[in-house]
Amino acid sequence: MDSQKVDMFIMANGKFFESHHVMQIRDRLLAVDDSKWGMIQTLQFKDPTTSLIVSLLAGSLGIDRFMIGDTGLGIGKLITCGGFGIWAIIDWFMIMGATREKNIAKLQQYL
């Protein structure tokens, strides 16, 4: 894979991943053959900032967890009103990391 293409991908999508994973992602992208590159470029990742905003506004309803694909946790938060508010507050601090982890898992499916 062309390192310039990989660097452009990393620059455009770096905010969607944890900073300590970026170099590992770069190395794995460099090893990917060109046939997969078109699919990788079209992947759409969830924005951690958007997840945080949704969590602040409607976290007790579990919408933040539904948004990132954690359906079971979303149902749990919905039924318990955000764990009686405690779970919703904890998610204000954790949802951005959870979103980035989901993005890495999504990318690894194609690597």
N, C-alpha and C. Protein backbone atom coordinates (compact mmCIF):
# COMPACT_ATOMS: atom_id res chain seq x y z
N MET A 1 0.84 -1.17 0.00
CA MET A 1 0.00 0.00 0.00
C MET A 1 0.89 1.23 0.00
N ASP A 2 0.45 2.25 -0.66
CA ASP A 2 1.16 3.51 -0.76
C ASP A 2 1.10 4.25 0.58
N SER A 3 2.26 4.63 1.11
CA SER A 3 2.29 5.28 2.42
C SER A 3 1.62 6.65 2.40
N GLN A 4 1.64 7.31 1.27
CA GLN A 4 0.98 8.62 1.18
C GLN A 4 -0.54 8.47 1.33
N LYS A 5 -1.12 7.45 0.69
CA LYS A 5 -2.56 7.20 0.84
C LYS A 5 -2.91 6.87 2.28
N VAL A 6 -2.08 6.06 2.91
CA VAL A 6 -2.32 5.66 4.29
C VAL A 6 -2.25 6.87 5.22
N ASP A 7 -1.24 7.71 5.01
CA ASP A 7 -1.11 8.90 5.84
C ASP A 7 -2.29 9.85 5.67
N MET A 8 -2.79 9.97 4.46
CA MET A 8 -3.96 10.81 4.22
C MET A 8 -5.18 10.23 4.93
N PHE A 9 -5.33 8.91 4.90
CA PHE A 9 -6.44 8.25 5.59
C PHE A 9 -6.35 8.50 7.09
N ILE A 10 -5.15 8.36 7.65
CA ILE A 10 -4.94 8.57 9.07
C ILE A 10 -5.24 10.02 9.46
N MET A 11 -4.79 10.96 8.65
CA MET A 11 -5.04 12.37 8.94
C MET A 11 -6.53 12.69 8.90
N ALA A 12 -7.24 12.12 7.95
CA ALA A 12 -8.66 12.40 7.80
C ALA A 12 -9.51 11.70 8.86
N ASN A 13 -9.05 10.55 9.35
CA ASN A 13 -9.87 9.75 10.26
C ASN A 13 -9.26 9.56 11.64
N GLY A 14 -8.20 10.24 11.96
CA GLY A 14 -7.51 10.05 13.23
C GLY A 14 -8.36 10.31 14.45
N LYS A 15 -9.30 11.24 14.36
CA LYS A 15 -10.13 11.57 15.53
C LYS A 15 -11.10 10.45 15.91
N PHE A 16 -11.29 9.51 15.01
CA PHE A 16 -12.22 8.41 15.27
C PHE A 16 -11.58 7.25 16.04
N PHE A 17 -10.26 7.35 16.30
CA PHE A 17 -9.52 6.26 16.95
C PHE A 17 -8.76 6.79 18.15
N GLU A 18 -8.44 5.89 19.09
CA GLU A 18 -7.59 6.24 20.22
C GLU A 18 -6.20 6.57 19.69
N SER A 19 -5.54 7.56 20.28
CA SER A 19 -4.25 8.01 19.77
C SER A 19 -3.18 6.92 19.86
N HIS A 20 -3.26 6.06 20.87
CA HIS A 20 -2.25 5.01 21.00
C HIS A 20 -2.44 3.88 19.98
N HIS A 21 -3.55 3.86 19.27
CA HIS A 21 -3.78 2.84 18.24
C HIS A 21 -3.41 3.32 16.83
N VAL A 22 -3.16 4.60 16.67
CA VAL A 22 -2.98 5.16 15.32
C VAL A 22 -1.78 4.54 14.61
N MET A 23 -0.66 4.39 15.29
CA MET A 23 0.53 3.81 14.63
C MET A 23 0.30 2.35 14.26
N GLN A 24 -0.38 1.62 15.11
CA GLN A 24 -0.70 0.22 14.81
C GLN A 24 -1.63 0.15 13.59
N ILE A 25 -2.61 1.03 13.53
CA ILE A 25 -3.52 1.07 12.38
C ILE A 25 -2.75 1.40 11.13
N ARG A 26 -1.84 2.37 11.21
CA ARG A 26 -1.02 2.75 10.05
C ARG A 26 -0.21 1.56 9.53
N ASP A 27 0.43 0.83 10.45
CA ASP A 27 1.22 -0.34 10.04
C ASP A 27 0.35 -1.40 9.38
N ARG A 28 -0.82 -1.63 9.92
CA ARG A 28 -1.71 -2.64 9.33
C ARG A 28 -2.23 -2.20 7.97
N LEU A 29 -2.50 -0.89 7.82
CA LEU A 29 -2.96 -0.38 6.53
C LEU A 29 -1.87 -0.48 5.47
N LEU A 30 -0.64 -0.29 5.87
CA LEU A 30 0.47 -0.41 4.91
C LEU A 30 0.61 -1.84 4.40
N ALA A 31 0.21 -2.82 5.23
CA ALA A 31 0.32 -4.23 4.84
C ALA A 31 -0.87 -4.72 4.01
N VAL A 32 -1.93 -3.93 3.94
CA VAL A 32 -3.14 -4.34 3.21
C VAL A 32 -2.89 -4.27 1.71
N ASP A 33 -3.42 -5.26 0.98
CA ASP A 33 -3.27 -5.22 -0.48
C ASP A 33 -4.25 -4.20 -1.08
N ASP A 34 -3.93 -3.78 -2.28
CA ASP A 34 -4.66 -2.70 -2.94
C ASP A 34 -6.13 -3.04 -3.22
N SER A 35 -6.47 -4.31 -3.29
CA SER A 35 -7.85 -4.68 -3.60
C SER A 35 -8.83 -4.30 -2.47
N LYS A 36 -8.35 -4.25 -1.24
CA LYS A 36 -9.20 -3.90 -0.11
C LYS A 36 -9.25 -2.39 0.14
N TRP A 37 -8.37 -1.63 -0.48
CA TRP A 37 -8.24 -0.22 -0.18
C TRP A 37 -9.52 0.57 -0.49
N GLY A 38 -10.18 0.26 -1.58
CA GLY A 38 -11.42 0.95 -1.94
C GLY A 38 -12.49 0.78 -0.89
N MET A 39 -12.62 -0.42 -0.35
CA MET A 39 -13.61 -0.68 0.69
C MET A 39 -13.25 0.06 1.97
N ILE A 40 -11.99 0.06 2.34
CA ILE A 40 -11.54 0.73 3.56
C ILE A 40 -11.80 2.23 3.49
N GLN A 41 -11.58 2.82 2.34
CA GLN A 41 -11.79 4.26 2.19
C GLN A 41 -13.25 4.67 2.30
N THR A 42 -14.16 3.76 2.03
CA THR A 42 -15.59 4.10 2.09
C THR A 42 -16.21 3.85 3.46
N LEU A 43 -15.44 3.30 4.40
CA LEU A 43 -15.98 3.05 5.74
C LEU A 43 -16.37 4.37 6.40
N GLN A 44 -17.49 4.36 7.08
CA GLN A 44 -17.94 5.54 7.82
C GLN A 44 -17.89 5.21 9.31
N PHE A 45 -17.19 6.04 10.03
CA PHE A 45 -16.99 5.82 11.46
C PHE A 45 -17.89 6.73 12.27
N LYS A 46 -18.21 6.30 13.48
CA LYS A 46 -19.02 7.10 14.40
C LYS A 46 -18.14 8.18 15.02
N ASP A 47 -18.68 9.38 15.16
CA ASP A 47 -17.94 10.49 15.73
C ASP A 47 -18.06 10.46 17.26
N PRO A 48 -16.93 10.37 17.97
CA PRO A 48 -16.98 10.33 19.44
C PRO A 48 -17.59 11.59 20.05
N THR A 49 -17.39 12.74 19.44
CA THR A 49 -17.96 13.98 19.97
C THR A 49 -19.48 13.96 19.87
N THR A 50 -20.00 13.46 18.77
CA THR A 50 -21.45 13.34 18.62
C THR A 50 -22.01 12.37 19.66
N SER A 51 -21.29 11.29 19.90
CA SER A 51 -21.74 10.33 20.92
C SER A 51 -21.80 10.99 22.30
N LEU A 52 -20.81 11.83 22.60
CA LEU A 52 -20.81 12.52 23.89
C LEU A 52 -21.99 13.47 24.01
N ILE A 53 -22.26 14.21 22.96
CA ILE A 53 -23.39 15.15 22.99
C ILE A 53 -24.71 14.41 23.19
N VAL A 54 -24.89 13.32 22.46
CA VAL A 54 -26.11 12.52 22.61
C VAL A 54 -26.19 11.94 24.02
N SER A 55 -25.05 11.52 24.56
CA SER A 55 -25.02 10.96 25.90
C SER A 55 -25.40 12.01 26.95
N LEU A 56 -24.94 13.23 26.75
CA LEU A 56 -25.29 14.30 27.69
C LEU A 56 -26.78 14.64 27.62
N LEU A 57 -27.34 14.61 26.43
CA LEU A 57 -28.73 15.02 26.25
C LEU A 57 -29.74 13.90 26.49
N ALA A 58 -29.42 12.69 26.07
CA ALA A 58 -30.40 11.60 26.15
C ALA A 58 -29.76 10.28 26.59
N GLY A 59 -28.69 10.38 27.38
CA GLY A 59 -28.00 9.18 27.83
C GLY A 59 -28.82 8.28 28.72
N SER A 60 -29.72 8.86 29.48
CA SER A 60 -30.53 8.03 30.39
C SER A 60 -31.52 7.16 29.63
N LEU A 61 -31.75 7.49 28.36
CA LEU A 61 -32.63 6.66 27.52
C LEU A 61 -31.87 5.60 26.73
N GLY A 62 -30.54 5.61 26.83
CA GLY A 62 -29.72 4.62 26.15
C GLY A 62 -29.48 4.90 24.69
N ILE A 63 -29.88 6.06 24.21
CA ILE A 63 -29.73 6.38 22.79
C ILE A 63 -28.27 6.38 22.38
N ASP A 64 -27.39 6.83 23.27
CA ASP A 64 -25.97 6.85 22.95
C ASP A 64 -25.44 5.45 22.67
N ARG A 65 -25.89 4.49 23.46
CA ARG A 65 -25.44 3.10 23.25
C ARG A 65 -26.06 2.48 22.00
N PHE A 66 -27.31 2.79 21.73
CA PHE A 66 -27.91 2.32 20.49
C PHE A 66 -27.14 2.86 19.29
N MET A 67 -26.73 4.12 19.38
CA MET A 67 -26.05 4.80 18.28
C MET A 67 -24.74 4.12 17.90
N ILE A 68 -23.99 3.64 18.89
CA ILE A 68 -22.70 3.02 18.58
C ILE A 68 -22.80 1.52 18.36
N GLY A 69 -24.01 0.99 18.48
CA GLY A 69 -24.21 -0.42 18.17
C GLY A 69 -24.27 -1.35 19.36
N ASP A 70 -24.26 -0.79 20.58
CA ASP A 70 -24.40 -1.61 21.78
C ASP A 70 -25.88 -1.73 22.14
N THR A 71 -26.59 -2.55 21.40
CA THR A 71 -28.03 -2.67 21.57
C THR A 71 -28.42 -3.18 22.95
N GLY A 72 -27.72 -4.18 23.42
CA GLY A 72 -28.03 -4.73 24.74
C GLY A 72 -27.86 -3.71 25.85
N LEU A 73 -26.76 -2.97 25.81
CA LEU A 73 -26.54 -1.93 26.81
C LEU A 73 -27.55 -0.80 26.67
N GLY A 74 -27.93 -0.51 25.45
CA GLY A 74 -28.94 0.52 25.21
C GLY A 74 -30.28 0.14 25.82
N ILE A 75 -30.66 -1.13 25.65
CA ILE A 75 -31.92 -1.60 26.25
C ILE A 75 -31.82 -1.55 27.77
N GLY A 76 -30.67 -1.95 28.30
CA GLY A 76 -30.48 -1.91 29.75
C GLY A 76 -30.60 -0.50 30.31
N LYS A 77 -29.99 0.46 29.62
CA LYS A 77 -30.08 1.85 30.07
C LYS A 77 -31.51 2.37 29.93
N LEU A 78 -32.19 1.98 28.88
CA LEU A 78 -33.56 2.43 28.67
C LEU A 78 -34.49 1.90 29.77
N ILE A 79 -34.37 0.63 30.08
CA ILE A 79 -35.24 0.01 31.09
C ILE A 79 -34.98 0.58 32.48
N THR A 80 -33.71 0.87 32.80
CA THR A 80 -33.36 1.32 34.15
C THR A 80 -33.22 2.84 34.25
N CYS A 81 -33.63 3.55 33.20
CA CYS A 81 -33.47 5.01 33.17
C CYS A 81 -32.02 5.41 33.42
N GLY A 82 -31.13 4.79 32.66
CA GLY A 82 -29.71 5.08 32.79
C GLY A 82 -29.11 4.57 34.08
N GLY A 83 -29.58 3.43 34.53
CA GLY A 83 -29.09 2.88 35.80
C GLY A 83 -29.40 3.82 36.94
N PHE A 84 -30.63 4.35 36.90
CA PHE A 84 -31.10 5.32 37.89
C PHE A 84 -30.22 6.57 37.90
N GLY A 85 -29.71 6.89 36.73
CA GLY A 85 -28.90 8.10 36.56
C GLY A 85 -27.42 7.88 36.73
N ILE A 86 -27.03 6.87 37.47
CA ILE A 86 -25.60 6.62 37.74
C ILE A 86 -24.89 6.16 36.48
N TRP A 87 -25.46 5.21 35.77
CA TRP A 87 -24.88 4.67 34.55
C TRP A 87 -24.76 5.77 33.50
N ALA A 88 -25.77 6.61 33.42
CA ALA A 88 -25.75 7.71 32.46
C ALA A 88 -24.59 8.65 32.74
N ILE A 89 -24.34 8.96 34.00
CA ILE A 89 -23.23 9.85 34.37
C ILE A 89 -21.89 9.19 34.07
N ILE A 90 -21.76 7.92 34.36
CA ILE A 90 -20.51 7.20 34.06
C ILE A 90 -20.25 7.21 32.56
N ASP A 91 -21.30 7.04 31.76
CA ASP A 91 -21.14 7.04 30.31
C ASP A 91 -20.70 8.39 29.76
N TRP A 92 -20.96 9.48 30.48
CA TRP A 92 -20.48 10.78 30.01
C TRP A 92 -18.97 10.77 29.88
N PHE A 93 -18.31 9.98 30.72
CA PHE A 93 -16.85 9.90 30.71
C PHE A 93 -16.32 8.76 29.84
N MET A 94 -17.15 7.77 29.57
CA MET A 94 -16.68 6.57 28.87
C MET A 94 -17.15 6.46 27.42
N ILE A 95 -18.16 7.19 27.01
CA ILE A 95 -18.78 6.96 25.71
C ILE A 95 -17.84 7.28 24.55
N MET A 96 -16.99 8.27 24.71
CA MET A 96 -16.07 8.60 23.61
C MET A 96 -15.08 7.46 23.37
N GLY A 97 -14.56 6.87 24.45
CA GLY A 97 -13.66 5.74 24.32
C GLY A 97 -14.36 4.52 23.74
N ALA A 98 -15.60 4.30 24.16
CA ALA A 98 -16.37 3.17 23.63
C ALA A 98 -16.63 3.35 22.14
N THR A 99 -16.90 4.57 21.73
CA THR A 99 -17.13 4.86 20.30
C THR A 99 -15.87 4.60 19.50
N ARG A 100 -14.73 5.04 20.01
CA ARG A 100 -13.46 4.81 19.30
C ARG A 100 -13.13 3.32 19.21
N GLU A 101 -13.42 2.57 20.26
CA GLU A 101 -13.18 1.12 20.23
C GLU A 101 -14.07 0.44 19.19
N LYS A 102 -15.32 0.87 19.08
CA LYS A 102 -16.21 0.33 18.04
C LYS A 102 -15.67 0.65 16.66
N ASN A 103 -15.12 1.85 16.48
CA ASN A 103 -14.55 2.23 15.19
C ASN A 103 -13.35 1.36 14.83
N ILE A 104 -12.50 1.07 15.82
CA ILE A 104 -11.35 0.20 15.57
C ILE A 104 -11.81 -1.20 15.21
N ALA A 105 -12.82 -1.71 15.91
CA ALA A 105 -13.34 -3.04 15.59
C ALA A 105 -13.90 -3.08 14.18
N LYS A 106 -14.58 -2.01 13.77
CA LYS A 106 -15.13 -1.95 12.42
C LYS A 106 -14.02 -1.97 11.38
N LEU A 107 -12.94 -1.21 11.63
CA LEU A 107 -11.83 -1.17 10.68
C LEU A 107 -11.12 -2.52 10.63
N GLN A 108 -10.97 -3.17 11.76
CA GLN A 108 -10.25 -4.46 11.79
C GLN A 108 -10.99 -5.57 11.03
N GLN A 109 -12.28 -5.40 10.83
CA GLN A 109 -13.01 -6.38 10.03
C GLN A 109 -12.51 -6.40 8.59
N TYR A 110 -11.98 -5.29 8.13
CA TYR A 110 -11.55 -5.17 6.74
C TYR A 110 -10.04 -5.27 6.58
N LEU A 111 -9.31 -5.35 7.68
CA LEU A 111 -7.85 -5.45 7.59
C LEU A 111 -7.38 -6.88 7.59
